[in-house]
Amino acid sequence: MPLVLVRTPTYRRPEMLTRAMRCLQAQTHEDWICEVRDDCPDGSARAVVEELGDPRIRHVWNRPQKFMVRNLDDCFLRENPHGADFFFMLEDDNQVRPEFMARGCEIIRQEGVTICQLNQVIEHDSRTPNARIGDEGIFDGIFDERVHAPEEIHLAMFGAVGLSNGAVFWSKDIRRELAIRVGTIPTLEEYLRTRLVSEPVYISREKLAVWAENEQSTTRNAGLGKGWLRRELDLKASVTALQREVWKGTPEPLRRDFLKGGVLRLPMESRREALRKAGIRAPGVPGDPSLKAMVKRLAVRHAGREHPSVAAILARTANGVS
């Protein structure tokens, strides 16, 4: 049975961490190790690990503290101290269903790929009395169930994000690791990770994972001292820079297919709107529909500051660095 290494970033959420670990213990695939990567200065997650008493669950105390984005990104490193065959990242407030590991291993072996993504449903109002799990998968309106070329995954940036942190399952044989390895900001990191994809990805529409929608409690990061408007302008400027580079590198036949509504399941209005906001001129892509829309686009272009992590990732992918 192949060994799966799970990495779980956590910070002072003992109830959520316990729930996540119970999901692992319920897996039909039993050969796994989980590194609980604890970012609490007091190492508080150790008590949860000790209470569970499962030798497969290991406590890793971050000293010094890494903060959210860095702690999460380290879960995608190529490092393989346990000699694992497969990997995935399970955030402490997310969940996986019992078949998640087994299907990830099976898909990669059967399809001959090194990366797959397993569909996630959304837990709305997580950590509140109104918490509920929806029926719709996050990939339902983006991907068909099949192997997607890396260029197709990149195009998902025009209307969505191609790689979801909690959906990715990968092999030790991955060509380029999915860790960003440079400081960045929340939300942008999933776009950067999407750009790092350099090989085919199988998308499974089986709903085997659960993503917690609780943005207010998961944006803890040292870079969030800026005001809301500044953060939004900088984020949009950074995403726009990535989108423009993706479009520039997309082969012309694939561009034409995408503009006609092919390649992905994204609604036409979503892809056209994303292209418009990125300032990309192409057949069928409308101009700004109003003065307000034009002002917003120009504000991003002239007042938004592209985060340095964008240039770093673009240089890394251009040079083919692993």
C-alpha atoms as a PDB file:
ATOM      1  CA  MET A   1       0.000   0.000   0.000  1.00  0.00           C
ATOM      2  CA  PRO A   2       1.516   3.398  -0.977  1.00  0.00           C
ATOM      3  CA  LEU A   3       2.312   5.885   1.763  1.00  0.00           C
ATOM      4  CA  VAL A   4       0.462   9.211   1.708  1.00  0.00           C
ATOM      5  CA  LEU A   5       1.942  12.245   3.468  1.00  0.00           C
ATOM      6  CA  VAL A   6      -0.663  14.737   4.649  1.00  0.00           C
ATOM      7  CA  ARG A   7       0.357  18.179   5.856  1.00  0.00           C
ATOM      8  CA  THR A   8      -2.051  20.178   8.007  1.00  0.00           C
ATOM      9  CA  PRO A   9      -1.348  23.863   8.771  1.00  0.00           C
ATOM     10  CA  THR A  10      -3.067  24.912  11.993  1.00  0.00           C
ATOM     11  CA  TYR A  11      -3.386  27.843  14.377  1.00  0.00           C
ATOM     12  CA  ARG A  12      -5.357  27.711  17.633  1.00  0.00           C
ATOM     13  CA  ARG A  13      -8.430  25.870  16.349  1.00  0.00           C
ATOM     14  CA  PRO A  14      -8.437  22.679  18.440  1.00  0.00           C
ATOM     15  CA  GLU A  15     -12.015  21.675  17.632  1.00  0.00           C
ATOM     16  CA  MET A  16     -11.478  22.076  13.890  1.00  0.00           C
ATOM     17  CA  LEU A  17      -8.123  20.298  14.029  1.00  0.00           C
ATOM     18  CA  THR A  18      -9.664  17.362  15.868  1.00  0.00           C
ATOM     19  CA  ARG A  19     -12.410  17.141  13.242  1.00  0.00           C
ATOM     20  CA  ALA A  20      -9.847  17.188  10.416  1.00  0.00           C
ATOM     21  CA  MET A  21      -7.790  14.427  12.056  1.00  0.00           C
ATOM     22  CA  ARG A  22     -10.922  12.298  12.569  1.00  0.00           C
ATOM     23  CA  CYS A  23     -11.483  12.574   8.814  1.00  0.00           C
ATOM     24  CA  LEU A  24      -8.025  11.119   8.241  1.00  0.00           C
ATOM     25  CA  GLN A  25      -8.625   8.310  10.713  1.00  0.00           C
ATOM     26  CA  ALA A  26     -11.802   7.433   8.800  1.00  0.00           C
ATOM     27  CA  GLN A  27      -9.958   6.995   5.472  1.00  0.00           C
ATOM     28  CA  THR A  28     -10.321   3.663   3.687  1.00  0.00           C
ATOM     29  CA  HIS A  29      -6.631   4.039   2.776  1.00  0.00           C
ATOM     30  CA  GLU A  30      -4.836   3.459   6.066  1.00  0.00           C
ATOM     31  CA  ASP A  31      -1.150   3.934   5.218  1.00  0.00           C
ATOM     32  CA  TRP A  32      -0.562   7.612   5.842  1.00  0.00           C
ATOM     33  CA  ILE A  33       1.348  10.075   8.009  1.00  0.00           C
ATOM     34  CA  CYS A  34       0.090  13.541   8.909  1.00  0.00           C
ATOM     35  CA  GLU A  35       2.350  16.419   9.890  1.00  0.00           C
ATOM     36  CA  VAL A  36       0.344  18.883  11.966  1.00  0.00           C
ATOM     37  CA  ARG A  37       2.216  22.129  11.268  1.00  0.00           C
ATOM     38  CA  ASP A  38       1.432  24.212  14.321  1.00  0.00           C
ATOM     39  CA  ASP A  39       1.886  27.991  13.964  1.00  0.00           C
ATOM     40  CA  CYS A  40       0.811  28.810  17.523  1.00  0.00           C
ATOM     41  CA  PRO A  41       3.689  30.372  19.514  1.00  0.00           C
ATOM     42  CA  ASP A  42       2.639  28.182  22.448  1.00  0.00           C
ATOM     43  CA  GLY A  43       2.562  24.962  20.412  1.00  0.00           C
ATOM     44  CA  SER A  44      -1.047  24.454  21.497  1.00  0.00           C
ATOM     45  CA  ALA A  45      -1.838  21.839  18.816  1.00  0.00           C
ATOM     46  CA  ARG A  46       0.409  19.368  20.611  1.00  0.00           C
ATOM     47  CA  ALA A  47      -2.386  18.747  23.139  1.00  0.00           C
ATOM     48  CA  VAL A  48      -4.756  17.750  20.320  1.00  0.00           C
ATOM     49  CA  VAL A  49      -2.193  15.384  18.819  1.00  0.00           C
ATOM     50  CA  GLU A  50      -1.486  13.785  22.187  1.00  0.00           C
ATOM     51  CA  GLU A  51      -5.202  13.401  22.913  1.00  0.00           C
ATOM     52  CA  LEU A  52      -5.748  11.612  19.593  1.00  0.00           C
ATOM     53  CA  GLY A  53      -2.947   9.173  20.427  1.00  0.00           C
ATOM     54  CA  ASP A  54      -2.451   8.097  16.806  1.00  0.00           C
ATOM     55  CA  PRO A  55       1.233   7.432  15.918  1.00  0.00           C
ATOM     56  CA  ARG A  56       0.516   8.430  12.312  1.00  0.00           C
ATOM     57  CA  ILE A  57      -0.186  12.015  13.436  1.00  0.00           C
ATOM     58  CA  ARG A  58       3.007  14.001  14.142  1.00  0.00           C
ATOM     59  CA  HIS A  59       3.240  17.449  15.752  1.00  0.00           C
ATOM     60  CA  VAL A  60       5.547  19.920  13.967  1.00  0.00           C
ATOM     61  CA  TRP A  61       5.994  23.189  15.886  1.00  0.00           C
ATOM     62  CA  ASN A  62       6.890  26.238  13.800  1.00  0.00           C
ATOM     63  CA  ARG A  63       9.624  28.155  15.578  1.00  0.00           C
ATOM     64  CA  PRO A  64       9.688  30.998  14.704  1.00  0.00           C
ATOM     65  CA  GLN A  65       6.074  31.532  13.704  1.00  0.00           C
ATOM     66  CA  LYS A  66       5.479  31.433   9.925  1.00  0.00           C
ATOM     67  CA  PHE A  67       2.012  32.999   9.674  1.00  0.00           C
ATOM     68  CA  MET A  68      -0.770  31.713   7.488  1.00  0.00           C
ATOM     69  CA  VAL A  69       0.501  31.954   3.910  1.00  0.00           C
ATOM     70  CA  ARG A  70       4.029  30.693   4.620  1.00  0.00           C
ATOM     71  CA  ASN A  71       2.761  27.849   6.817  1.00  0.00           C
ATOM     72  CA  LEU A  72       0.327  26.780   4.124  1.00  0.00           C
ATOM     73  CA  ASP A  73       2.890  27.085   1.339  1.00  0.00           C
ATOM     74  CA  ASP A  74       5.360  24.850   3.158  1.00  0.00           C
ATOM     75  CA  CYS A  75       2.765  22.074   2.884  1.00  0.00           C
ATOM     76  CA  PHE A  76       3.514  21.960  -0.871  1.00  0.00           C
ATOM     77  CA  LEU A  77       7.276  21.539  -0.591  1.00  0.00           C
ATOM     78  CA  ARG A  78       8.936  18.677  -2.437  1.00  0.00           C
ATOM     79  CA  GLU A  79      10.682  17.549   0.751  1.00  0.00           C
ATOM     80  CA  ASN A  80       9.887  13.912   1.505  1.00  0.00           C
ATOM     81  CA  PRO A  81      11.360  12.903   4.879  1.00  0.00           C
ATOM     82  CA  HIS A  82       9.064   9.887   5.268  1.00  0.00           C
ATOM     83  CA  GLY A  83       9.568   8.423   1.791  1.00  0.00           C
ATOM     84  CA  ALA A  84       5.935   9.023   0.822  1.00  0.00           C
ATOM     85  CA  ASP A  85       4.467   8.122  -2.563  1.00  0.00           C
ATOM     86  CA  PHE A  86       1.659  10.686  -2.568  1.00  0.00           C
ATOM     87  CA  PHE A  87       0.853  14.011  -0.898  1.00  0.00           C
ATOM     88  CA  PHE A  88      -1.955  16.397  -0.113  1.00  0.00           C
ATOM     89  CA  MET A  89      -2.638  19.350   2.166  1.00  0.00           C
ATOM     90  CA  LEU A  90      -5.584  19.385   4.581  1.00  0.00           C
ATOM     91  CA  GLU A  91      -6.205  22.718   6.291  1.00  0.00           C
ATOM     92  CA  ASP A  92      -7.357  22.392   9.872  1.00  0.00           C
ATOM     93  CA  ASP A  93     -10.878  23.691   9.145  1.00  0.00           C
ATOM     94  CA  ASN A  94     -11.426  21.565   6.029  1.00  0.00           C
ATOM     95  CA  GLN A  95     -12.548  17.958   5.666  1.00  0.00           C
ATOM     96  CA  VAL A  96     -12.079  14.974   3.371  1.00  0.00           C
ATOM     97  CA  ARG A  97     -14.463  12.081   2.905  1.00  0.00           C
ATOM     98  CA  PRO A  98     -13.383   8.473   3.601  1.00  0.00           C
ATOM     99  CA  GLU A  99     -12.534   7.642  -0.032  1.00  0.00           C
ATOM    100  CA  PHE A 100     -10.384  10.738  -0.683  1.00  0.00           C
ATOM    101  CA  MET A 101      -6.916   9.170  -0.312  1.00  0.00           C
ATOM    102  CA  ALA A 102      -7.795   5.913  -2.025  1.00  0.00           C
ATOM    103  CA  ARG A 103      -9.272   7.695  -5.046  1.00  0.00           C
ATOM    104  CA  GLY A 104      -6.317  10.080  -5.297  1.00  0.00           C
ATOM    105  CA  CYS A 105      -3.859   7.171  -5.429  1.00  0.00           C
ATOM    106  CA  GLU A 106      -6.052   5.277  -7.877  1.00  0.00           C
ATOM    107  CA  ILE A 107      -6.564   8.188 -10.264  1.00  0.00           C
ATOM    108  CA  ILE A 108      -2.872   9.030 -10.507  1.00  0.00           C
ATOM    109  CA  ARG A 109      -1.970   5.418 -11.226  1.00  0.00           C
ATOM    110  CA  GLN A 110      -4.779   4.760 -13.705  1.00  0.00           C
ATOM    111  CA  GLU A 111      -4.508   8.045 -15.616  1.00  0.00           C
ATOM    112  CA  GLY A 112      -0.710   8.156 -15.749  1.00  0.00           C
ATOM    113  CA  VAL A 113      -0.506  11.692 -14.324  1.00  0.00           C
ATOM    114  CA  THR A 114       1.362  13.097 -11.328  1.00  0.00           C
ATOM    115  CA  ILE A 115      -1.330  15.588 -10.217  1.00  0.00           C
ATOM    116  CA  CYS A 116      -5.066  15.269  -9.790  1.00  0.00           C
ATOM    117  CA  GLN A 117      -7.731  17.409  -8.192  1.00  0.00           C
ATOM    118  CA  LEU A 118     -10.714  15.994  -6.323  1.00  0.00           C
ATOM    119  CA  ASN A 119     -13.861  18.091  -6.262  1.00  0.00           C
ATOM    120  CA  GLN A 120     -14.788  20.038  -3.124  1.00  0.00           C
ATOM    121  CA  VAL A 121     -18.167  21.040  -1.782  1.00  0.00           C
ATOM    122  CA  ILE A 122     -18.482  24.133   0.410  1.00  0.00           C
ATOM    123  CA  GLU A 123     -19.199  24.324   4.102  1.00  0.00           C
ATOM    124  CA  HIS A 124     -21.065  27.627   4.356  1.00  0.00           C
ATOM    125  CA  ASP A 125     -20.937  29.741   7.545  1.00  0.00           C
ATOM    126  CA  SER A 126     -18.259  27.487   8.983  1.00  0.00           C
ATOM    127  CA  ARG A 127     -17.690  27.750  12.740  1.00  0.00           C
ATOM    128  CA  THR A 128     -21.149  29.232  13.309  1.00  0.00           C
ATOM    129  CA  PRO A 129     -24.444  27.670  14.446  1.00  0.00           C
ATOM    130  CA  ASN A 130     -25.619  27.994  10.810  1.00  0.00           C
ATOM    131  CA  ALA A 131     -22.824  25.851   9.349  1.00  0.00           C
ATOM    132  CA  ARG A 132     -24.078  23.698   6.473  1.00  0.00           C
ATOM    133  CA  ILE A 133     -22.537  21.788   3.578  1.00  0.00           C
ATOM    134  CA  GLY A 134     -23.763  22.600   0.083  1.00  0.00           C
ATOM    135  CA  ASP A 135     -24.340  20.204  -2.810  1.00  0.00           C
ATOM    136  CA  GLU A 136     -22.482  21.991  -5.606  1.00  0.00           C
ATOM    137  CA  GLY A 137     -18.825  21.152  -6.264  1.00  0.00           C
ATOM    138  CA  ILE A 138     -16.386  24.002  -6.858  1.00  0.00           C
ATOM    139  CA  PHE A 139     -15.246  22.400 -10.135  1.00  0.00           C
ATOM    140  CA  ASP A 140     -18.761  21.800 -11.500  1.00  0.00           C
ATOM    141  CA  GLY A 141     -18.806  25.087 -13.393  1.00  0.00           C
ATOM    142  CA  ILE A 142     -15.128  25.067 -14.389  1.00  0.00           C
ATOM    143  CA  PHE A 143     -13.849  21.660 -15.537  1.00  0.00           C
ATOM    144  CA  ASP A 144     -14.969  18.495 -17.281  1.00  0.00           C
ATOM    145  CA  GLU A 145     -13.815  15.201 -15.791  1.00  0.00           C
ATOM    146  CA  ARG A 146     -10.685  14.429 -17.796  1.00  0.00           C
ATOM    147  CA  VAL A 147      -6.963  15.114 -18.054  1.00  0.00           C
ATOM    148  CA  HIS A 148      -6.290  18.817 -18.646  1.00  0.00           C
ATOM    149  CA  ALA A 149      -3.116  20.182 -20.230  1.00  0.00           C
ATOM    150  CA  PRO A 150      -1.264  22.728 -18.064  1.00  0.00           C
ATOM    151  CA  GLU A 151      -2.234  25.515 -20.482  1.00  0.00           C
ATOM    152  CA  GLU A 152      -5.902  24.668 -19.871  1.00  0.00           C
ATOM    153  CA  ILE A 153      -5.417  24.803 -16.109  1.00  0.00           C
ATOM    154  CA  HIS A 154      -3.796  28.232 -16.498  1.00  0.00           C
ATOM    155  CA  LEU A 155      -6.773  29.523 -18.524  1.00  0.00           C
ATOM    156  CA  ALA A 156      -9.051  28.824 -15.569  1.00  0.00           C
ATOM    157  CA  MET A 157      -7.659  32.081 -14.120  1.00  0.00           C
ATOM    158  CA  PHE A 158     -10.062  33.859 -16.461  1.00  0.00           C
ATOM    159  CA  GLY A 159     -13.156  33.396 -14.338  1.00  0.00           C
ATOM    160  CA  ALA A 160     -11.913  31.133 -11.529  1.00  0.00           C
ATOM    161  CA  VAL A 161      -8.710  29.689 -10.049  1.00  0.00           C
ATOM    162  CA  GLY A 162      -7.193  26.622 -11.663  1.00  0.00           C
ATOM    163  CA  LEU A 163      -5.713  24.991  -8.563  1.00  0.00           C
ATOM    164  CA  SER A 164      -7.540  24.763  -5.243  1.00  0.00           C
ATOM    165  CA  ASN A 165      -5.248  24.157  -2.266  1.00  0.00           C
ATOM    166  CA  GLY A 166      -7.458  21.573  -0.594  1.00  0.00           C
ATOM    167  CA  ALA A 167      -8.324  19.688  -3.779  1.00  0.00           C
ATOM    168  CA  VAL A 168      -4.818  18.889  -5.052  1.00  0.00           C
ATOM    169  CA  PHE A 169      -3.373  15.379  -4.674  1.00  0.00           C
ATOM    170  CA  TRP A 170       0.061  14.743  -6.165  1.00  0.00           C
ATOM    171  CA  SER A 171       2.798  12.165  -6.626  1.00  0.00           C
ATOM    172  CA  LYS A 172       6.435  12.201  -5.507  1.00  0.00           C
ATOM    173  CA  ASP A 173       7.233  12.203  -9.245  1.00  0.00           C
ATOM    174  CA  ILE A 174       5.800  15.702  -9.805  1.00  0.00           C
ATOM    175  CA  ARG A 175       8.096  17.658 -12.140  1.00  0.00           C
ATOM    176  CA  ARG A 176       7.837  21.083 -10.501  1.00  0.00           C
ATOM    177  CA  GLU A 177       6.853  21.431  -6.865  1.00  0.00           C
ATOM    178  CA  LEU A 178       3.762  23.492  -6.107  1.00  0.00           C
ATOM    179  CA  ALA A 179       5.329  25.502  -3.277  1.00  0.00           C
ATOM    180  CA  ILE A 180       5.708  29.186  -4.106  1.00  0.00           C
ATOM    181  CA  ARG A 181       8.715  29.629  -1.778  1.00  0.00           C
ATOM    182  CA  VAL A 182       8.446  33.440  -1.758  1.00  0.00           C
ATOM    183  CA  GLY A 183       6.419  35.741   0.459  1.00  0.00           C
ATOM    184  CA  THR A 184       2.995  36.573  -0.943  1.00  0.00           C
ATOM    185  CA  ILE A 185      -0.548  37.465   0.162  1.00  0.00           C
ATOM    186  CA  PRO A 186      -3.766  35.480   0.729  1.00  0.00           C
ATOM    187  CA  THR A 187      -5.852  34.659  -2.373  1.00  0.00           C
ATOM    188  CA  LEU A 188      -2.960  35.517  -4.714  1.00  0.00           C
ATOM    189  CA  GLU A 189      -1.120  32.386  -3.637  1.00  0.00           C
ATOM    190  CA  GLU A 190      -3.649  30.073  -5.339  1.00  0.00           C
ATOM    191  CA  TYR A 191      -3.239  31.998  -8.606  1.00  0.00           C
ATOM    192  CA  LEU A 192       0.540  31.704  -8.287  1.00  0.00           C
ATOM    193  CA  ARG A 193       0.244  27.985  -7.585  1.00  0.00           C
ATOM    194  CA  THR A 194      -1.918  27.603 -10.676  1.00  0.00           C
ATOM    195  CA  ARG A 195       0.814  29.235 -12.730  1.00  0.00           C
ATOM    196  CA  LEU A 196       3.341  26.718 -11.390  1.00  0.00           C
ATOM    197  CA  VAL A 197       1.471  23.798 -12.974  1.00  0.00           C
ATOM    198  CA  SER A 198       3.721  22.423 -15.723  1.00  0.00           C
ATOM    199  CA  GLU A 199       2.216  19.001 -16.420  1.00  0.00           C
ATOM    200  CA  PRO A 200      -1.198  17.434 -17.133  1.00  0.00           C
ATOM    201  CA  VAL A 201      -3.755  17.415 -14.310  1.00  0.00           C
ATOM    202  CA  TYR A 202      -6.670  15.004 -13.998  1.00  0.00           C
ATOM    203  CA  ILE A 203      -9.825  16.695 -12.695  1.00  0.00           C
ATOM    204  CA  SER A 204     -12.213  14.433 -10.804  1.00  0.00           C
ATOM    205  CA  ARG A 205     -15.716  15.770 -10.256  1.00  0.00           C
ATOM    206  CA  GLU A 206     -16.287  13.311  -7.406  1.00  0.00           C
ATOM    207  CA  LYS A 207     -17.158  15.392  -4.350  1.00  0.00           C
ATOM    208  CA  LEU A 208     -14.706  13.965  -1.854  1.00  0.00           C
ATOM    209  CA  ALA A 209     -13.482  17.087  -0.045  1.00  0.00           C
ATOM    210  CA  VAL A 210     -15.087  19.932   1.899  1.00  0.00           C
ATOM    211  CA  TRP A 211     -13.839  23.508   1.817  1.00  0.00           C
ATOM    212  CA  ALA A 212     -14.760  25.805   4.726  1.00  0.00           C
ATOM    213  CA  GLU A 213     -15.979  29.215   3.620  1.00  0.00           C
ATOM    214  CA  ASN A 214     -14.844  31.409   6.516  1.00  0.00           C
ATOM    215  CA  GLU A 215     -12.674  34.137   5.057  1.00  0.00           C
ATOM    216  CA  GLN A 216     -12.788  36.361   8.131  1.00  0.00           C
ATOM    217  CA  SER A 217     -11.046  33.769  10.284  1.00  0.00           C
ATOM    218  CA  THR A 218      -8.457  32.658   7.728  1.00  0.00           C
ATOM    219  CA  THR A 219      -6.869  35.917   6.516  1.00  0.00           C
ATOM    220  CA  ARG A 220      -4.371  36.168   9.385  1.00  0.00           C
ATOM    221  CA  ASN A 221      -1.183  37.302   7.719  1.00  0.00           C
ATOM    222  CA  ALA A 222       1.549  39.819   8.503  1.00  0.00           C
ATOM    223  CA  GLY A 223       0.866  41.690   5.239  1.00  0.00           C
ATOM    224  CA  LEU A 224      -2.741  42.534   6.050  1.00  0.00           C
ATOM    225  CA  GLY A 225      -1.991  45.775   7.874  1.00  0.00           C
ATOM    226  CA  LYS A 226      -2.906  47.709   4.719  1.00  0.00           C
ATOM    227  CA  GLY A 227      -6.347  49.209   4.279  1.00  0.00           C
ATOM    228  CA  TRP A 228      -9.021  47.271   2.386  1.00  0.00           C
ATOM    229  CA  LEU A 229      -8.831  49.422  -0.762  1.00  0.00           C
ATOM    230  CA  ARG A 230      -5.055  49.155  -1.002  1.00  0.00           C
ATOM    231  CA  ARG A 231      -5.212  45.363  -0.563  1.00  0.00           C
ATOM    232  CA  GLU A 232      -7.866  45.053  -3.261  1.00  0.00           C
ATOM    233  CA  LEU A 233      -6.001  47.238  -5.747  1.00  0.00           C
ATOM    234  CA  ASP A 234      -2.739  45.382  -5.173  1.00  0.00           C
ATOM    235  CA  LEU A 235      -4.402  41.965  -5.417  1.00  0.00           C
ATOM    236  CA  LYS A 236      -6.186  42.848  -8.655  1.00  0.00           C
ATOM    237  CA  ALA A 237      -3.025  44.340 -10.164  1.00  0.00           C
ATOM    238  CA  SER A 238      -1.132  41.155  -9.292  1.00  0.00           C
ATOM    239  CA  VAL A 239      -3.785  38.819 -10.702  1.00  0.00           C
ATOM    240  CA  THR A 240      -4.004  40.943 -13.858  1.00  0.00           C
ATOM    241  CA  ALA A 241      -0.244  40.637 -14.397  1.00  0.00           C
ATOM    242  CA  LEU A 242      -0.506  36.846 -14.144  1.00  0.00           C
ATOM    243  CA  GLN A 243      -3.494  36.721 -16.488  1.00  0.00           C
ATOM    244  CA  ARG A 244      -1.761  38.791 -19.138  1.00  0.00           C
ATOM    245  CA  GLU A 245       1.277  36.521 -19.013  1.00  0.00           C
ATOM    246  CA  VAL A 246      -0.933  33.429 -19.252  1.00  0.00           C
ATOM    247  CA  TRP A 247      -2.729  34.820 -22.296  1.00  0.00           C
ATOM    248  CA  LYS A 248       0.569  35.771 -23.914  1.00  0.00           C
ATOM    249  CA  GLY A 249       1.826  32.197 -23.547  1.00  0.00           C
ATOM    250  CA  THR A 250      -1.379  30.445 -24.647  1.00  0.00           C
ATOM    251  CA  PRO A 251      -1.095  28.884 -28.131  1.00  0.00           C
ATOM    252  CA  GLU A 252      -3.270  30.634 -30.720  1.00  0.00           C
ATOM    253  CA  PRO A 253      -5.525  27.612 -31.469  1.00  0.00           C
ATOM    254  CA  LEU A 254      -6.252  27.241 -27.745  1.00  0.00           C
ATOM    255  CA  ARG A 255      -7.017  30.962 -27.495  1.00  0.00           C
ATOM    256  CA  ARG A 256      -9.527  30.711 -30.317  1.00  0.00           C
ATOM    257  CA  ASP A 257     -11.200  27.688 -28.766  1.00  0.00           C
ATOM    258  CA  PHE A 258     -11.401  29.442 -25.395  1.00  0.00           C
ATOM    259  CA  LEU A 259     -12.911  32.577 -26.948  1.00  0.00           C
ATOM    260  CA  LYS A 260     -15.582  30.429 -28.618  1.00  0.00           C
ATOM    261  CA  GLY A 261     -16.579  28.877 -25.294  1.00  0.00           C
ATOM    262  CA  GLY A 262     -14.518  25.698 -25.466  1.00  0.00           C
ATOM    263  CA  VAL A 263     -11.713  24.234 -23.290  1.00  0.00           C
ATOM    264  CA  LEU A 264     -13.434  24.843 -19.935  1.00  0.00           C
ATOM    265  CA  ARG A 265     -16.963  25.039 -18.544  1.00  0.00           C
ATOM    266  CA  LEU A 266     -16.596  28.665 -17.500  1.00  0.00           C
ATOM    267  CA  PRO A 267     -19.579  30.803 -18.594  1.00  0.00           C
ATOM    268  CA  MET A 268     -18.797  33.015 -21.574  1.00  0.00           C
ATOM    269  CA  GLU A 269     -19.655  36.174 -19.656  1.00  0.00           C
ATOM    270  CA  SER A 270     -17.181  35.215 -16.909  1.00  0.00           C
ATOM    271  CA  ARG A 271     -14.266  34.593 -19.253  1.00  0.00           C
ATOM    272  CA  ARG A 272     -14.966  37.709 -21.337  1.00  0.00           C
ATOM    273  CA  GLU A 273     -15.279  39.866 -18.228  1.00  0.00           C
ATOM    274  CA  ALA A 274     -11.983  38.536 -16.860  1.00  0.00           C
ATOM    275  CA  LEU A 275     -10.246  39.256 -20.170  1.00  0.00           C
ATOM    276  CA  ARG A 276     -11.737  42.756 -20.258  1.00  0.00           C
ATOM    277  CA  LYS A 277     -10.631  43.585 -16.716  1.00  0.00           C
ATOM    278  CA  ALA A 278      -7.129  42.359 -17.550  1.00  0.00           C
ATOM    279  CA  GLY A 279      -7.046  44.808 -20.453  1.00  0.00           C
ATOM    280  CA  ILE A 280      -6.712  42.017 -23.014  1.00  0.00           C
ATOM    281  CA  ARG A 281      -8.112  42.812 -26.443  1.00  0.00           C
ATOM    282  CA  ALA A 282      -9.482  39.820 -28.310  1.00  0.00           C
ATOM    283  CA  PRO A 283     -12.395  39.013 -30.648  1.00  0.00           C
ATOM    284  CA  GLY A 284     -15.682  39.073 -28.752  1.00  0.00           C
ATOM    285  CA  VAL A 285     -14.192  40.733 -25.666  1.00  0.00           C
ATOM    286  CA  PRO A 286     -16.170  43.936 -25.015  1.00  0.00           C
ATOM    287  CA  GLY A 287     -14.775  47.252 -23.885  1.00  0.00           C
ATOM    288  CA  ASP A 288     -15.688  48.851 -20.582  1.00  0.00           C
ATOM    289  CA  PRO A 289     -19.505  48.889 -20.319  1.00  0.00           C
ATOM    290  CA  SER A 290     -19.584  52.125 -18.336  1.00  0.00           C
ATOM    291  CA  LEU A 291     -17.479  55.023 -17.152  1.00  0.00           C
ATOM    292  CA  LYS A 292     -17.443  53.465 -13.678  1.00  0.00           C
ATOM    293  CA  ALA A 293     -16.036  50.199 -15.057  1.00  0.00           C
ATOM    294  CA  MET A 294     -13.359  52.069 -16.979  1.00  0.00           C
ATOM    295  CA  VAL A 295     -12.345  54.046 -13.873  1.00  0.00           C
ATOM    296  CA  LYS A 296     -12.064  50.822 -11.845  1.00  0.00           C
ATOM    297  CA  ARG A 297      -9.916  49.149 -14.486  1.00  0.00           C
ATOM    298  CA  LEU A 298      -7.652  52.196 -14.782  1.00  0.00           C
ATOM    299  CA  ALA A 299      -7.389  52.462 -10.990  1.00  0.00           C
ATOM    300  CA  VAL A 300      -6.074  48.901 -10.834  1.00  0.00           C
ATOM    301  CA  ARG A 301      -3.684  49.568 -13.701  1.00  0.00           C
ATOM    302  CA  HIS A 302      -2.243  52.824 -12.381  1.00  0.00           C
ATOM    303  CA  ALA A 303      -2.744  52.654  -8.589  1.00  0.00           C
ATOM    304  CA  GLY A 304      -2.435  48.926  -7.945  1.00  0.00           C
ATOM    305  CA  ARG A 305       0.995  47.609  -7.027  1.00  0.00           C
ATOM    306  CA  GLU A 306       1.960  44.236  -8.394  1.00  0.00           C
ATOM    307  CA  HIS A 307       3.226  42.034  -5.565  1.00  0.00           C
ATOM    308  CA  PRO A 308       6.907  41.008  -5.967  1.00  0.00           C
ATOM    309  CA  SER A 309       5.906  37.332  -5.775  1.00  0.00           C
ATOM    310  CA  VAL A 310       4.325  37.625  -9.233  1.00  0.00           C
ATOM    311  CA  ALA A 311       7.601  38.545 -10.920  1.00  0.00           C
ATOM    312  CA  ALA A 312       9.392  35.814  -8.981  1.00  0.00           C
ATOM    313  CA  ILE A 313       6.974  33.100 -10.119  1.00  0.00           C
ATOM    314  CA  LEU A 314       6.902  34.328 -13.714  1.00  0.00           C
ATOM    315  CA  ALA A 315      10.713  34.230 -13.804  1.00  0.00           C
ATOM    316  CA  ARG A 316      10.713  30.767 -12.294  1.00  0.00           C
ATOM    317  CA  THR A 317       8.237  29.354 -14.795  1.00  0.00           C
ATOM    318  CA  ALA A 318       9.907  31.103 -17.736  1.00  0.00           C
ATOM    319  CA  ASN A 319      13.241  29.504 -16.868  1.00  0.00           C
ATOM    320  CA  GLY A 320      11.776  26.100 -16.165  1.00  0.00           C
ATOM    321  CA  VAL A 321      13.199  26.001 -12.619  1.00  0.00           C
ATOM    322  CA  SER A 322      11.784  23.139 -10.572  1.00  0.00           C
END
